[in-house]
Amino acid sequence: MKVEAILEGKGERVVTVTPHTSIRVAIGRMMREHIGAVAISQDDRTALGMLSERDVVRGLAMHGDAVFDMTAEDLMARAMATCARGDSLQDVMAKMTKTRMRYLPVLENGRLCGIVSIGDVVRSRLLEAKRETIILRDAYLATH
């Protein structure tokens, strides 16, 4: 299975905030959208970084309440791994494991066209395993 299959199921909408968005506003946006990360973008097309719940928690641990006076740019992960529509889920899982990132921006010709989360990948793999189980069961039953 490929990344494009995930995007077909969940859509290509990407929630972004600008680098100068306050952490308070970014957190509120994640809460309203029921997501765990936002892409940081100046133009909604290019990803400058990612801001995740984990980044906010680290910010709280390091800066205390002062984190709420900071901006997305202050806490975002700048060195981010990315993936493409044609990447296999195995490659995406390996990249997420290696980089310890749970959210990967999907880029097409350098343009932001989606975000894949670890939850998306796990859900897809479980569906794939279920399909394989059904096929194997049906094949077994057909021979017995």
C-alpha atoms as a PDB file:
ATOM      1  CA  MET A   1       0.000   0.000   0.000  1.00  0.00           C
ATOM      2  CA  LYS A   2       1.162   3.529  -0.745  1.00  0.00           C
ATOM      3  CA  VAL A   3       0.760   6.970   0.834  1.00  0.00           C
ATOM      4  CA  GLU A   4      -1.661   7.989  -1.925  1.00  0.00           C
ATOM      5  CA  ALA A   5      -4.147   5.380  -0.651  1.00  0.00           C
ATOM      6  CA  ILE A   6      -4.137   7.047   2.768  1.00  0.00           C
ATOM      7  CA  LEU A   7      -4.658  10.477   1.208  1.00  0.00           C
ATOM      8  CA  GLU A   8      -7.555   9.156  -0.880  1.00  0.00           C
ATOM      9  CA  GLY A   9      -9.222   7.987   2.319  1.00  0.00           C
ATOM     10  CA  LYS A  10      -8.595  10.987   4.547  1.00  0.00           C
ATOM     11  CA  GLY A  11      -8.295  13.762   2.005  1.00  0.00           C
ATOM     12  CA  GLU A  12      -5.500  16.142   1.187  1.00  0.00           C
ATOM     13  CA  ARG A  13      -6.504  18.993   3.485  1.00  0.00           C
ATOM     14  CA  VAL A  14      -3.534  20.232   5.488  1.00  0.00           C
ATOM     15  CA  VAL A  15      -3.973  22.412   8.542  1.00  0.00           C
ATOM     16  CA  THR A  16      -1.249  25.051   8.640  1.00  0.00           C
ATOM     17  CA  VAL A  17      -0.267  27.986  10.799  1.00  0.00           C
ATOM     18  CA  THR A  18       2.275  30.686  10.037  1.00  0.00           C
ATOM     19  CA  PRO A  19       5.651  30.761  11.783  1.00  0.00           C
ATOM     20  CA  HIS A  20       4.575  33.772  13.848  1.00  0.00           C
ATOM     21  CA  THR A  21       1.362  32.182  15.141  1.00  0.00           C
ATOM     22  CA  SER A  22       1.357  32.083  18.944  1.00  0.00           C
ATOM     23  CA  ILE A  23       1.614  28.706  20.618  1.00  0.00           C
ATOM     24  CA  ARG A  24      -1.708  29.401  22.344  1.00  0.00           C
ATOM     25  CA  VAL A  25      -3.431  29.882  18.955  1.00  0.00           C
ATOM     26  CA  ALA A  26      -1.675  26.853  17.416  1.00  0.00           C
ATOM     27  CA  ILE A  27      -2.780  24.632  20.324  1.00  0.00           C
ATOM     28  CA  GLY A  28      -6.331  25.903  19.974  1.00  0.00           C
ATOM     29  CA  ARG A  29      -6.278  25.116  16.268  1.00  0.00           C
ATOM     30  CA  MET A  30      -5.058  21.560  16.896  1.00  0.00           C
ATOM     31  CA  MET A  31      -7.786  21.075  19.497  1.00  0.00           C
ATOM     32  CA  ARG A  32     -10.568  22.406  17.235  1.00  0.00           C
ATOM     33  CA  GLU A  33      -9.380  20.298  14.302  1.00  0.00           C
ATOM     34  CA  HIS A  34      -8.855  17.166  16.481  1.00  0.00           C
ATOM     35  CA  ILE A  35      -5.308  16.733  15.201  1.00  0.00           C
ATOM     36  CA  GLY A  36      -1.943  16.244  16.863  1.00  0.00           C
ATOM     37  CA  ALA A  37       0.196  18.451  14.623  1.00  0.00           C
ATOM     38  CA  VAL A  38       0.097  21.378  12.235  1.00  0.00           C
ATOM     39  CA  ALA A  39       2.386  22.215   9.359  1.00  0.00           C
ATOM     40  CA  ILE A  40       4.170  25.541   9.640  1.00  0.00           C
ATOM     41  CA  SER A  41       3.840  27.404   6.363  1.00  0.00           C
ATOM     42  CA  GLN A  42       4.011  30.954   5.134  1.00  0.00           C
ATOM     43  CA  ASP A  43       1.916  30.254   2.024  1.00  0.00           C
ATOM     44  CA  ASP A  44      -0.043  27.003   2.712  1.00  0.00           C
ATOM     45  CA  ARG A  45       2.038  25.326  -0.020  1.00  0.00           C
ATOM     46  CA  THR A  46       5.499  24.855   1.449  1.00  0.00           C
ATOM     47  CA  ALA A  47       6.277  23.281   4.799  1.00  0.00           C
ATOM     48  CA  LEU A  48       8.849  25.127   6.886  1.00  0.00           C
ATOM     49  CA  GLY A  49       8.417  22.743   9.806  1.00  0.00           C
ATOM     50  CA  MET A  50       5.931  20.812  11.907  1.00  0.00           C
ATOM     51  CA  LEU A  51       4.533  21.639  15.333  1.00  0.00           C
ATOM     52  CA  SER A  52       3.205  18.655  17.256  1.00  0.00           C
ATOM     53  CA  GLU A  53       1.767  18.051  20.696  1.00  0.00           C
ATOM     54  CA  ARG A  54       5.140  16.581  21.623  1.00  0.00           C
ATOM     55  CA  ASP A  55       6.880  19.855  20.693  1.00  0.00           C
ATOM     56  CA  VAL A  56       4.470  21.794  22.897  1.00  0.00           C
ATOM     57  CA  VAL A  57       5.043  19.443  25.840  1.00  0.00           C
ATOM     58  CA  ARG A  58       8.817  19.810  25.431  1.00  0.00           C
ATOM     59  CA  GLY A  59       8.350  23.581  25.334  1.00  0.00           C
ATOM     60  CA  LEU A  60       6.350  23.472  28.550  1.00  0.00           C
ATOM     61  CA  ALA A  61       9.031  21.372  30.228  1.00  0.00           C
ATOM     62  CA  MET A  62      11.793  23.760  29.144  1.00  0.00           C
ATOM     63  CA  HIS A  63      10.064  27.144  29.416  1.00  0.00           C
ATOM     64  CA  GLY A  64       7.081  26.675  31.720  1.00  0.00           C
ATOM     65  CA  ASP A  65       4.211  29.132  31.249  1.00  0.00           C
ATOM     66  CA  ALA A  66       6.444  31.342  29.092  1.00  0.00           C
ATOM     67  CA  VAL A  67       5.806  28.861  26.266  1.00  0.00           C
ATOM     68  CA  PHE A  68       2.436  30.530  25.689  1.00  0.00           C
ATOM     69  CA  ASP A  69       4.229  33.742  24.726  1.00  0.00           C
ATOM     70  CA  MET A  70       6.310  31.899  22.134  1.00  0.00           C
ATOM     71  CA  THR A  71       5.527  31.330  18.456  1.00  0.00           C
ATOM     72  CA  ALA A  72       5.170  28.217  16.346  1.00  0.00           C
ATOM     73  CA  GLU A  73       8.549  29.015  14.825  1.00  0.00           C
ATOM     74  CA  ASP A  74      10.146  28.870  18.282  1.00  0.00           C
ATOM     75  CA  LEU A  75       9.050  25.276  18.941  1.00  0.00           C
ATOM     76  CA  MET A  76       8.577  23.704  15.511  1.00  0.00           C
ATOM     77  CA  ALA A  77      10.652  20.807  14.280  1.00  0.00           C
ATOM     78  CA  ARG A  78      12.706  22.282  11.454  1.00  0.00           C
ATOM     79  CA  ALA A  79      14.585  19.153  10.418  1.00  0.00           C
ATOM     80  CA  MET A  80      11.573  17.173   9.340  1.00  0.00           C
ATOM     81  CA  ALA A  81      11.311  13.998   7.399  1.00  0.00           C
ATOM     82  CA  THR A  82       8.881  14.029   4.482  1.00  0.00           C
ATOM     83  CA  CYS A  83       7.292  11.504   2.176  1.00  0.00           C
ATOM     84  CA  ALA A  84       5.732  11.397  -1.277  1.00  0.00           C
ATOM     85  CA  ARG A  85       2.453   9.999  -2.593  1.00  0.00           C
ATOM     86  CA  GLY A  86       4.235   7.075  -4.198  1.00  0.00           C
ATOM     87  CA  ASP A  87       6.109   6.003  -1.059  1.00  0.00           C
ATOM     88  CA  SER A  88       5.202   2.619   0.395  1.00  0.00           C
ATOM     89  CA  LEU A  89       3.840   2.387   3.916  1.00  0.00           C
ATOM     90  CA  GLN A  90       6.847   0.237   4.820  1.00  0.00           C
ATOM     91  CA  ASP A  91       9.156   3.099   3.814  1.00  0.00           C
ATOM     92  CA  VAL A  92       7.031   5.613   5.746  1.00  0.00           C
ATOM     93  CA  MET A  93       7.055   3.403   8.860  1.00  0.00           C
ATOM     94  CA  ALA A  94      10.831   3.035   8.640  1.00  0.00           C
ATOM     95  CA  LYS A  95      11.247   6.801   8.250  1.00  0.00           C
ATOM     96  CA  MET A  96       8.939   7.510  11.213  1.00  0.00           C
ATOM     97  CA  THR A  97      10.808   4.997  13.350  1.00  0.00           C
ATOM     98  CA  LYS A  98      14.245   6.303  12.383  1.00  0.00           C
ATOM     99  CA  THR A  99      13.385   9.989  12.896  1.00  0.00           C
ATOM    100  CA  ARG A 100      10.992   9.430  15.822  1.00  0.00           C
ATOM    101  CA  MET A 101       8.457  11.654  14.052  1.00  0.00           C
ATOM    102  CA  ARG A 102       4.777  10.707  14.196  1.00  0.00           C
ATOM    103  CA  TYR A 103       3.667  13.102  11.455  1.00  0.00           C
ATOM    104  CA  LEU A 104       5.170  13.364   7.975  1.00  0.00           C
ATOM    105  CA  PRO A 105       4.286  16.070   5.481  1.00  0.00           C
ATOM    106  CA  VAL A 106       3.516  14.659   2.051  1.00  0.00           C
ATOM    107  CA  LEU A 107       5.221  16.658  -0.694  1.00  0.00           C
ATOM    108  CA  GLU A 108       4.592  16.592  -4.418  1.00  0.00           C
ATOM    109  CA  ASN A 109       7.116  18.590  -6.462  1.00  0.00           C
ATOM    110  CA  GLY A 110       8.034  20.441  -3.270  1.00  0.00           C
ATOM    111  CA  ARG A 111       4.414  21.379  -2.592  1.00  0.00           C
ATOM    112  CA  LEU A 112       2.585  20.353   0.585  1.00  0.00           C
ATOM    113  CA  CYS A 113      -0.278  18.031  -0.374  1.00  0.00           C
ATOM    114  CA  GLY A 114      -1.061  16.142   2.841  1.00  0.00           C
ATOM    115  CA  ILE A 115       0.107  14.899   6.200  1.00  0.00           C
ATOM    116  CA  VAL A 116       0.395  11.253   7.171  1.00  0.00           C
ATOM    117  CA  SER A 117       0.284  10.354  10.853  1.00  0.00           C
ATOM    118  CA  ILE A 118       1.411   7.202  12.611  1.00  0.00           C
ATOM    119  CA  GLY A 119      -2.288   6.563  13.289  1.00  0.00           C
ATOM    120  CA  ASP A 120      -3.012   6.686   9.561  1.00  0.00           C
ATOM    121  CA  VAL A 121      -0.240   4.186   8.888  1.00  0.00           C
ATOM    122  CA  VAL A 122      -1.305   1.793  11.658  1.00  0.00           C
ATOM    123  CA  ARG A 123      -4.954   1.938  10.548  1.00  0.00           C
ATOM    124  CA  SER A 124      -3.957   1.171   6.955  1.00  0.00           C
ATOM    125  CA  ARG A 125      -1.711  -1.705   7.973  1.00  0.00           C
ATOM    126  CA  LEU A 126      -4.484  -3.205  10.132  1.00  0.00           C
ATOM    127  CA  LEU A 127      -6.942  -3.034   7.225  1.00  0.00           C
ATOM    128  CA  GLU A 128      -4.353  -4.601   4.952  1.00  0.00           C
ATOM    129  CA  ALA A 129      -3.724  -7.422   7.457  1.00  0.00           C
ATOM    130  CA  LYS A 130      -7.475  -7.998   7.786  1.00  0.00           C
ATOM    131  CA  ARG A 131      -7.839  -8.256   3.992  1.00  0.00           C
ATOM    132  CA  GLU A 132      -4.926 -10.726   3.839  1.00  0.00           C
ATOM    133  CA  THR A 133      -6.497 -12.826   6.597  1.00  0.00           C
ATOM    134  CA  ILE A 134      -9.798 -12.997   4.728  1.00  0.00           C
ATOM    135  CA  ILE A 135      -8.046 -13.987   1.494  1.00  0.00           C
ATOM    136  CA  LEU A 136      -6.043 -16.714   3.242  1.00  0.00           C
ATOM    137  CA  ARG A 137      -9.126 -18.011   5.071  1.00  0.00           C
ATOM    138  CA  ASP A 138     -11.134 -18.111   1.840  1.00  0.00           C
ATOM    139  CA  ALA A 139      -8.276 -19.902   0.054  1.00  0.00           C
ATOM    140  CA  TYR A 140      -8.039 -22.445   2.874  1.00  0.00           C
ATOM    141  CA  LEU A 141     -11.787 -23.043   2.928  1.00  0.00           C
ATOM    142  CA  ALA A 142     -11.835 -23.485  -0.854  1.00  0.00           C
ATOM    143  CA  THR A 143      -9.308 -26.319  -0.634  1.00  0.00           C
ATOM    144  CA  HIS A 144     -10.988 -28.163   2.248  1.00  0.00           C
END
